[in-house]
Amino acid sequence: MSAFTSILLISAVILAVIFGFIFAIGRKFKGENAGFGKAMMIVGVIGMVVCVIAAIIVAMA
């Protein structure tokens, strides 16, 4: 695996973790502001899925 591929894989994993934190913060805000919390949860889940798919594609290349 080249250095470029390794950097892409690591950055995809880091972004997935960041989106996981966004999802967790959204769950916290869901009780106080339902619309905002739900939107953050949706963004977190979509971001995690995209990052995981990108990591799989990079790992296969």
C-alpha atoms as a PDB file:
ATOM      1  CA  MET A   1       0.000   0.000   0.000  1.00  0.00           C
ATOM      2  CA  SER A   2       1.435   3.331  -1.000  1.00  0.00           C
ATOM      3  CA  ALA A   3       1.763   6.301   1.312  1.00  0.00           C
ATOM      4  CA  PHE A   4      -1.009   8.165  -0.515  1.00  0.00           C
ATOM      5  CA  THR A   5      -3.419   5.262  -0.060  1.00  0.00           C
ATOM      6  CA  SER A   6      -2.515   5.018   3.624  1.00  0.00           C
ATOM      7  CA  ILE A   7      -3.170   8.729   4.139  1.00  0.00           C
ATOM      8  CA  LEU A   8      -6.551   8.457   2.389  1.00  0.00           C
ATOM      9  CA  LEU A   9      -7.515   5.454   4.506  1.00  0.00           C
ATOM     10  CA  ILE A  10      -6.485   7.104   7.776  1.00  0.00           C
ATOM     11  CA  SER A  11      -8.290  10.343   6.915  1.00  0.00           C
ATOM     12  CA  ALA A  12     -11.482   8.427   6.033  1.00  0.00           C
ATOM     13  CA  VAL A  13     -11.384   6.677   9.408  1.00  0.00           C
ATOM     14  CA  ILE A  14     -10.759   9.965  11.256  1.00  0.00           C
ATOM     15  CA  LEU A  15     -13.670  11.607   9.431  1.00  0.00           C
ATOM     16  CA  ALA A  16     -15.915   8.657  10.319  1.00  0.00           C
ATOM     17  CA  VAL A  17     -15.023   9.142  13.996  1.00  0.00           C
ATOM     18  CA  ILE A  18     -15.776  12.884  13.743  1.00  0.00           C
ATOM     19  CA  PHE A  19     -19.167  12.142  12.190  1.00  0.00           C
ATOM     20  CA  GLY A  20     -19.751   9.664  15.016  1.00  0.00           C
ATOM     21  CA  PHE A  21     -19.224  12.474  17.513  1.00  0.00           C
ATOM     22  CA  ILE A  22     -21.653  14.652  15.531  1.00  0.00           C
ATOM     23  CA  PHE A  23     -24.209  11.830  15.785  1.00  0.00           C
ATOM     24  CA  ALA A  24     -23.648  11.580  19.552  1.00  0.00           C
ATOM     25  CA  ILE A  25     -24.029  15.344  20.018  1.00  0.00           C
ATOM     26  CA  GLY A  26     -27.224  15.196  17.966  1.00  0.00           C
ATOM     27  CA  ARG A  27     -28.615  12.533  20.297  1.00  0.00           C
ATOM     28  CA  LYS A  28     -27.842  14.803  23.243  1.00  0.00           C
ATOM     29  CA  PHE A  29     -29.623  17.778  21.663  1.00  0.00           C
ATOM     30  CA  LYS A  30     -32.624  15.698  20.575  1.00  0.00           C
ATOM     31  CA  GLY A  31     -34.331  16.225  23.934  1.00  0.00           C
ATOM     32  CA  GLU A  32     -33.836  20.001  23.973  1.00  0.00           C
ATOM     33  CA  ASN A  33     -34.352  20.855  20.303  1.00  0.00           C
ATOM     34  CA  ALA A  34     -35.865  17.950  18.386  1.00  0.00           C
ATOM     35  CA  GLY A  35     -35.351  19.309  14.866  1.00  0.00           C
ATOM     36  CA  PHE A  36     -31.724  20.297  15.383  1.00  0.00           C
ATOM     37  CA  GLY A  37     -30.851  17.035  17.134  1.00  0.00           C
ATOM     38  CA  LYS A  38     -32.512  14.943  14.433  1.00  0.00           C
ATOM     39  CA  ALA A  39     -30.699  16.870  11.690  1.00  0.00           C
ATOM     40  CA  MET A  40     -27.346  16.347  13.422  1.00  0.00           C
ATOM     41  CA  MET A  41     -28.075  12.635  13.803  1.00  0.00           C
ATOM     42  CA  ILE A  42     -28.922  12.327  10.100  1.00  0.00           C
ATOM     43  CA  VAL A  43     -25.761  14.207   9.093  1.00  0.00           C
ATOM     44  CA  GLY A  44     -23.700  12.004  11.410  1.00  0.00           C
ATOM     45  CA  VAL A  45     -25.083   8.738  10.038  1.00  0.00           C
ATOM     46  CA  ILE A  46     -24.772   9.786   6.388  1.00  0.00           C
ATOM     47  CA  GLY A  47     -21.234  11.054   6.978  1.00  0.00           C
ATOM     48  CA  MET A  48     -20.181   7.831   8.690  1.00  0.00           C
ATOM     49  CA  VAL A  49     -21.625   5.680   5.906  1.00  0.00           C
ATOM     50  CA  VAL A  50     -19.903   7.730   3.199  1.00  0.00           C
ATOM     51  CA  CYS A  51     -16.568   7.581   5.043  1.00  0.00           C
ATOM     52  CA  VAL A  52     -16.807   3.823   5.572  1.00  0.00           C
ATOM     53  CA  ILE A  53     -17.628   3.264   1.891  1.00  0.00           C
ATOM     54  CA  ALA A  54     -14.704   5.513   0.904  1.00  0.00           C
ATOM     55  CA  ALA A  55     -12.372   3.600   3.225  1.00  0.00           C
ATOM     56  CA  ILE A  56     -13.463   0.275   1.705  1.00  0.00           C
ATOM     57  CA  ILE A  57     -12.920   1.592  -1.827  1.00  0.00           C
ATOM     58  CA  VAL A  58      -9.474   2.949  -0.933  1.00  0.00           C
ATOM     59  CA  ALA A  59      -8.512  -0.315   0.781  1.00  0.00           C
ATOM     60  CA  MET A  60      -9.484  -2.335  -2.306  1.00  0.00           C
ATOM     61  CA  ALA A  61      -7.492  -0.110  -4.682  1.00  0.00           C
END
